[in-house]
N, C-alpha and C. Protein backbone atom coordinates (compact mmCIF):
# COMPACT_ATOMS: atom_id res chain seq x y z
N MET A 1 95.36 112.54 90.85
CA MET A 1 96.75 112.75 91.14
C MET A 1 97.18 114.12 90.62
N ALA A 2 98.03 114.77 91.39
CA ALA A 2 98.52 116.09 90.98
C ALA A 2 99.43 115.95 89.76
N ASN A 3 99.73 117.07 89.14
CA ASN A 3 100.61 117.09 87.99
C ASN A 3 101.96 116.49 88.36
N ARG A 4 102.43 115.50 87.60
CA ARG A 4 103.70 114.84 87.89
C ARG A 4 104.88 115.56 87.26
N PHE A 5 104.64 116.64 86.55
CA PHE A 5 105.72 117.31 85.83
C PHE A 5 105.95 118.72 86.35
N ASP A 6 107.18 119.13 86.33
CA ASP A 6 107.57 120.49 86.67
C ASP A 6 108.77 120.80 85.78
N ILE A 7 109.09 122.05 85.62
CA ILE A 7 110.18 122.42 84.73
C ILE A 7 111.31 123.05 85.55
N ALA A 8 112.52 122.59 85.31
CA ALA A 8 113.72 123.19 85.87
C ALA A 8 114.51 123.75 84.70
N VAL A 9 115.47 124.59 84.98
CA VAL A 9 116.28 125.17 83.92
C VAL A 9 117.72 124.72 84.09
N HIS A 10 118.33 124.22 83.00
CA HIS A 10 119.73 123.78 83.01
C HIS A 10 120.62 125.00 83.26
N LYS A 11 121.55 124.90 84.22
CA LYS A 11 122.38 126.05 84.61
C LYS A 11 123.25 126.57 83.47
N LYS A 12 123.84 125.66 82.69
CA LYS A 12 124.78 126.09 81.65
C LYS A 12 124.08 126.48 80.35
N THR A 13 123.10 125.68 79.92
CA THR A 13 122.46 125.94 78.62
C THR A 13 121.24 126.83 78.72
N GLY A 14 120.62 126.89 79.88
CA GLY A 14 119.40 127.68 80.05
C GLY A 14 118.17 127.01 79.47
N LYS A 15 118.34 125.77 78.96
CA LYS A 15 117.21 125.04 78.37
C LYS A 15 116.36 124.41 79.48
N PRO A 16 115.05 124.30 79.24
CA PRO A 16 114.18 123.69 80.25
C PRO A 16 114.43 122.19 80.38
N ILE A 17 114.38 121.71 81.61
CA ILE A 17 114.53 120.28 81.90
C ILE A 17 113.26 119.85 82.64
N PRO A 18 112.46 118.96 82.05
CA PRO A 18 111.26 118.52 82.78
C PRO A 18 111.65 117.62 83.96
N LYS A 19 111.02 117.87 85.10
CA LYS A 19 111.21 117.00 86.26
C LYS A 19 109.94 116.18 86.42
N ILE A 20 110.09 114.92 86.79
CA ILE A 20 108.95 114.03 86.95
C ILE A 20 108.81 113.68 88.43
N LYS A 21 107.59 113.81 88.94
CA LYS A 21 107.32 113.46 90.34
C LYS A 21 107.61 111.99 90.57
N ARG A 22 108.25 111.70 91.67
CA ARG A 22 108.55 110.32 92.06
C ARG A 22 107.24 109.62 92.46
N THR A 23 107.09 108.36 92.06
CA THR A 23 105.90 107.59 92.44
C THR A 23 106.24 106.49 93.43
N SER A 24 107.54 106.21 93.60
CA SER A 24 107.97 105.23 94.60
C SER A 24 109.39 105.56 95.03
N HIS A 25 109.78 105.01 96.17
CA HIS A 25 111.15 105.17 96.65
C HIS A 25 111.51 103.97 97.50
N TYR A 26 112.81 103.75 97.68
CA TYR A 26 113.25 102.66 98.54
C TYR A 26 112.82 102.93 99.97
N VAL A 27 112.56 101.86 100.71
CA VAL A 27 112.09 101.98 102.09
C VAL A 27 113.18 102.60 102.97
N GLN A 28 114.43 102.23 102.74
CA GLN A 28 115.52 102.79 103.53
C GLN A 28 115.95 104.14 102.97
N SER A 29 116.57 104.94 103.81
CA SER A 29 117.06 106.26 103.40
C SER A 29 118.27 106.11 102.50
N PRO A 30 118.54 107.12 101.65
CA PRO A 30 119.68 107.04 100.74
C PRO A 30 121.02 106.84 101.44
N TRP A 31 121.21 107.42 102.61
CA TRP A 31 122.49 107.28 103.31
C TRP A 31 122.75 105.84 103.73
N GLU A 32 121.69 105.03 103.88
CA GLU A 32 121.88 103.62 104.23
C GLU A 32 122.45 102.82 103.06
N TYR A 33 122.43 103.41 101.87
CA TYR A 33 123.04 102.80 100.68
C TYR A 33 124.39 103.46 100.39
N GLU A 34 124.96 104.12 101.40
CA GLU A 34 126.26 104.80 101.29
C GLU A 34 126.22 106.01 100.35
N MET A 35 125.04 106.57 100.10
CA MET A 35 124.93 107.76 99.26
C MET A 35 125.25 108.99 100.10
N GLU A 36 125.63 110.06 99.42
CA GLU A 36 125.91 111.33 100.09
C GLU A 36 125.51 112.46 99.16
N CYS A 37 125.44 113.66 99.71
CA CYS A 37 125.11 114.83 98.90
C CYS A 37 126.24 115.09 97.91
N PRO A 38 125.92 115.23 96.61
CA PRO A 38 126.98 115.47 95.64
C PRO A 38 127.60 116.86 95.75
N LYS A 39 126.94 117.77 96.46
CA LYS A 39 127.46 119.14 96.58
C LYS A 39 128.32 119.31 97.83
N CYS A 40 127.78 118.94 99.01
CA CYS A 40 128.50 119.19 100.26
C CYS A 40 129.10 117.93 100.87
N GLY A 41 128.75 116.75 100.33
CA GLY A 41 129.27 115.50 100.88
C GLY A 41 128.57 115.06 102.15
N GLY A 42 127.53 115.78 102.53
CA GLY A 42 126.80 115.47 103.76
C GLY A 42 125.94 114.23 103.64
N ARG A 43 125.54 113.71 104.81
CA ARG A 43 124.72 112.50 104.84
C ARG A 43 123.29 112.80 105.32
N LYS A 44 122.95 114.07 105.51
CA LYS A 44 121.58 114.44 105.89
C LYS A 44 120.76 114.56 104.61
N ILE A 45 120.45 113.39 104.03
CA ILE A 45 119.76 113.35 102.74
C ILE A 45 118.54 112.45 102.82
N GLU A 46 117.62 112.68 101.92
CA GLU A 46 116.40 111.88 101.83
C GLU A 46 116.02 111.78 100.36
N TRP A 47 115.14 110.84 100.03
CA TRP A 47 114.66 110.74 98.66
C TRP A 47 113.87 112.00 98.33
N SER A 48 114.16 112.60 97.21
CA SER A 48 113.46 113.80 96.76
C SER A 48 112.06 113.44 96.27
N GLU A 49 111.20 114.44 96.18
CA GLU A 49 109.89 114.20 95.59
C GLU A 49 110.00 114.04 94.07
N TRP A 50 111.19 114.35 93.52
CA TRP A 50 111.43 114.27 92.08
C TRP A 50 112.23 113.03 91.74
N GLU A 51 111.84 112.35 90.69
CA GLU A 51 112.50 111.14 90.22
C GLU A 51 113.97 111.40 89.92
N GLY A 52 114.85 110.52 90.43
CA GLY A 52 116.27 110.61 90.14
C GLY A 52 117.05 111.62 90.96
N LEU A 53 116.39 112.27 91.93
CA LEU A 53 117.06 113.28 92.75
C LEU A 53 117.00 112.90 94.23
N ILE A 54 117.92 113.48 94.99
CA ILE A 54 117.86 113.35 96.45
C ILE A 54 117.76 114.76 97.03
N TRP A 55 117.21 114.86 98.23
CA TRP A 55 117.08 116.15 98.93
C TRP A 55 118.16 116.21 99.99
N CYS A 56 118.93 117.30 100.00
CA CYS A 56 119.94 117.52 101.03
C CYS A 56 119.41 118.56 102.00
N TYR A 57 119.35 118.18 103.28
CA TYR A 57 118.86 119.10 104.30
C TYR A 57 119.84 120.24 104.56
N ASP A 58 121.14 120.00 104.39
CA ASP A 58 122.14 121.05 104.60
C ASP A 58 122.12 122.07 103.47
N CYS A 59 122.07 121.58 102.22
CA CYS A 59 122.07 122.49 101.06
C CYS A 59 120.67 123.05 100.77
N LYS A 60 119.65 122.36 101.31
CA LYS A 60 118.25 122.72 101.07
C LYS A 60 117.94 122.73 99.57
N LYS A 61 118.39 121.65 98.89
CA LYS A 61 118.20 121.53 97.45
C LYS A 61 117.95 120.09 97.04
N ASP A 62 117.25 119.95 95.92
CA ASP A 62 117.14 118.66 95.24
C ASP A 62 118.35 118.55 94.33
N LEU A 63 119.10 117.47 94.45
CA LEU A 63 120.33 117.31 93.68
C LEU A 63 120.39 115.93 93.02
N LYS A 64 121.01 115.88 91.86
CA LYS A 64 121.19 114.62 91.15
C LYS A 64 122.48 113.98 91.65
N PRO A 65 122.40 112.74 92.14
CA PRO A 65 123.63 112.08 92.61
C PRO A 65 124.63 111.89 91.48
N THR A 66 125.90 112.03 91.80
CA THR A 66 126.96 111.77 90.84
C THR A 66 127.44 110.33 91.04
N ILE A 67 128.32 109.88 90.18
CA ILE A 67 128.86 108.53 90.34
C ILE A 67 129.56 108.41 91.69
N LYS A 68 130.29 109.45 92.08
CA LYS A 68 131.00 109.43 93.35
C LYS A 68 130.06 109.39 94.56
N SER A 69 128.90 110.04 94.45
CA SER A 69 127.99 110.15 95.60
C SER A 69 126.86 109.12 95.60
N SER A 70 126.86 108.20 94.63
CA SER A 70 125.75 107.26 94.48
C SER A 70 125.86 105.99 95.32
N GLY A 71 126.90 105.85 96.10
CA GLY A 71 127.04 104.71 96.99
C GLY A 71 127.03 103.38 96.27
N VAL A 72 126.26 102.42 96.80
CA VAL A 72 126.24 101.07 96.24
C VAL A 72 125.61 101.01 94.85
N PHE A 73 124.93 102.08 94.44
CA PHE A 73 124.26 102.07 93.13
C PHE A 73 125.22 102.31 91.97
N THR A 74 126.53 102.43 92.24
CA THR A 74 127.49 102.64 91.16
C THR A 74 127.96 101.34 90.52
N GLY A 75 127.62 100.22 91.09
CA GLY A 75 128.09 98.96 90.52
C GLY A 75 127.11 97.84 90.76
N PRO A 76 127.47 96.64 90.34
CA PRO A 76 126.58 95.51 90.58
C PRO A 76 126.38 95.29 92.08
N ILE A 77 125.17 94.96 92.44
CA ILE A 77 124.84 94.77 93.85
C ILE A 77 124.43 93.31 94.06
N PRO A 78 125.28 92.50 94.71
CA PRO A 78 124.85 91.13 95.02
C PRO A 78 123.77 91.20 96.11
N ILE A 79 122.56 90.83 95.75
CA ILE A 79 121.42 90.98 96.64
C ILE A 79 121.62 90.27 97.98
N GLN A 80 122.11 89.03 97.95
CA GLN A 80 122.29 88.28 99.20
C GLN A 80 123.35 88.94 100.08
N ALA A 81 124.42 89.44 99.48
CA ALA A 81 125.47 90.13 100.25
C ALA A 81 124.92 91.43 100.85
N ALA A 82 124.15 92.16 100.06
CA ALA A 82 123.54 93.40 100.56
C ALA A 82 122.60 93.10 101.72
N ASP A 83 121.87 92.00 101.63
CA ASP A 83 120.96 91.58 102.70
C ASP A 83 121.73 91.32 103.99
N LEU A 84 122.90 90.70 103.88
CA LEU A 84 123.73 90.43 105.05
C LEU A 84 124.23 91.74 105.70
N LEU A 85 124.37 92.77 104.89
CA LEU A 85 124.79 94.08 105.39
C LEU A 85 123.63 94.91 105.93
N GLY A 86 122.42 94.36 105.86
CA GLY A 86 121.24 95.07 106.37
C GLY A 86 120.57 95.98 105.35
N MET A 87 121.00 95.90 104.10
CA MET A 87 120.37 96.71 103.05
C MET A 87 119.11 96.03 102.56
N CYS A 88 118.14 96.84 102.27
CA CYS A 88 116.84 96.36 101.83
C CYS A 88 116.47 97.13 100.57
N PHE A 89 116.05 96.43 99.52
CA PHE A 89 115.69 97.10 98.28
C PHE A 89 114.18 97.10 98.05
N ASP A 90 113.43 96.93 99.14
CA ASP A 90 111.98 97.05 99.07
C ASP A 90 111.64 98.51 98.81
N ARG A 91 110.52 98.74 98.15
CA ARG A 91 110.12 100.11 97.81
C ARG A 91 108.73 100.42 98.38
N TRP A 92 108.48 101.71 98.52
CA TRP A 92 107.17 102.21 98.93
C TRP A 92 106.51 102.84 97.72
N ASP A 93 105.35 102.32 97.33
CA ASP A 93 104.57 102.87 96.20
C ASP A 93 103.72 104.00 96.77
N MET A 94 104.10 105.23 96.46
CA MET A 94 103.45 106.41 97.02
C MET A 94 102.06 106.64 96.46
N VAL A 95 101.78 106.10 95.28
CA VAL A 95 100.47 106.29 94.65
C VAL A 95 99.45 105.31 95.21
N ASN A 96 99.82 104.03 95.24
CA ASN A 96 98.89 102.97 95.69
C ASN A 96 99.00 102.67 97.18
N LYS A 97 99.94 103.34 97.86
CA LYS A 97 100.14 103.16 99.31
C LYS A 97 100.39 101.69 99.66
N LYS A 98 101.33 101.09 98.93
CA LYS A 98 101.69 99.68 99.16
C LYS A 98 103.20 99.54 99.18
N PHE A 99 103.67 98.51 99.88
CA PHE A 99 105.08 98.16 99.85
C PHE A 99 105.30 97.21 98.68
N ILE A 100 106.42 97.38 97.99
CA ILE A 100 106.76 96.54 96.85
C ILE A 100 108.02 95.76 97.20
N VAL A 101 107.92 94.44 97.15
CA VAL A 101 109.06 93.57 97.42
C VAL A 101 109.33 92.77 96.15
N ARG A 102 110.57 92.78 95.70
CA ARG A 102 110.93 92.04 94.49
C ARG A 102 111.20 90.59 94.85
N ASP A 103 110.48 89.67 94.20
CA ASP A 103 110.72 88.23 94.34
C ASP A 103 111.70 87.87 93.23
N TYR A 104 112.98 87.78 93.57
CA TYR A 104 114.02 87.58 92.56
C TYR A 104 113.98 86.19 91.95
N GLU A 105 113.53 85.19 92.72
CA GLU A 105 113.44 83.83 92.17
C GLU A 105 112.38 83.73 91.09
N ASN A 106 111.21 84.34 91.32
CA ASN A 106 110.12 84.27 90.35
C ASN A 106 110.04 85.49 89.42
N LYS A 107 110.98 86.43 89.60
CA LYS A 107 111.08 87.63 88.76
C LYS A 107 109.77 88.41 88.68
N LYS A 108 109.21 88.71 89.86
CA LYS A 108 107.99 89.52 89.91
C LYS A 108 107.96 90.34 91.19
N ASP A 109 107.16 91.37 91.19
CA ASP A 109 106.99 92.22 92.36
C ASP A 109 105.80 91.75 93.18
N LEU A 110 105.95 91.78 94.49
CA LEU A 110 104.87 91.44 95.42
C LEU A 110 104.44 92.74 96.09
N TYR A 111 103.13 92.92 96.24
CA TYR A 111 102.59 94.16 96.82
C TYR A 111 101.94 93.84 98.16
N PHE A 112 102.24 94.67 99.18
CA PHE A 112 101.73 94.44 100.52
C PHE A 112 101.19 95.72 101.14
N THR A 113 100.14 95.59 101.95
CA THR A 113 99.74 96.69 102.82
C THR A 113 100.77 96.74 103.95
N GLN A 114 100.71 97.76 104.79
CA GLN A 114 101.69 97.88 105.87
C GLN A 114 101.64 96.67 106.80
N LYS A 115 100.45 96.24 107.17
CA LYS A 115 100.29 95.10 108.09
C LYS A 115 100.85 93.83 107.44
N GLU A 116 100.52 93.61 106.17
CA GLU A 116 101.01 92.43 105.45
C GLU A 116 102.54 92.48 105.32
N TYR A 117 103.06 93.66 105.05
CA TYR A 117 104.51 93.83 104.87
C TYR A 117 105.26 93.49 106.16
N LEU A 118 104.76 94.00 107.29
CA LEU A 118 105.41 93.72 108.57
C LEU A 118 105.39 92.23 108.89
N SER A 119 104.29 91.56 108.58
CA SER A 119 104.20 90.11 108.79
C SER A 119 105.16 89.38 107.86
N TYR A 120 105.23 89.81 106.63
CA TYR A 120 106.12 89.21 105.63
C TYR A 120 107.58 89.34 106.07
N LYS A 121 107.98 90.55 106.50
CA LYS A 121 109.35 90.79 106.93
C LYS A 121 109.68 89.97 108.17
N LYS A 122 108.74 89.87 109.08
CA LYS A 122 108.96 89.11 110.31
C LYS A 122 109.16 87.63 109.99
N GLY A 123 108.41 87.12 109.01
CA GLY A 123 108.52 85.72 108.61
C GLY A 123 109.80 85.39 107.87
N ARG A 124 110.46 86.40 107.27
CA ARG A 124 111.68 86.18 106.50
C ARG A 124 112.92 86.08 107.38
N LYS A 125 112.84 86.54 108.62
CA LYS A 125 114.02 86.54 109.49
C LYS A 125 114.25 85.22 110.15
């Protein structure tokens, strides 16, 4: 695996801030969770390669979401209600190339290949 760390510089203090490479992300795009770019307010965003950041195509920058731009992640999320709205909190494990689905009843993660994941999702509907 490539180096998971990179250094950024804090704009105000000039101190180095280590960035950590993301190892997983949600299957759906950030805008599907009502997130937006914290700088321009745009919705042309994607999960950044860096943990805790999103990429804005308009600003061409990795940005840290603010409370205002974080969408549904600013408060408690009722999983069943989110499911009714079409939101999915399944994740893609970029290292192991597997889908991760949280089994909330048994409090554990389930791991699937793409074929297994599609069958699993089809069976849940």
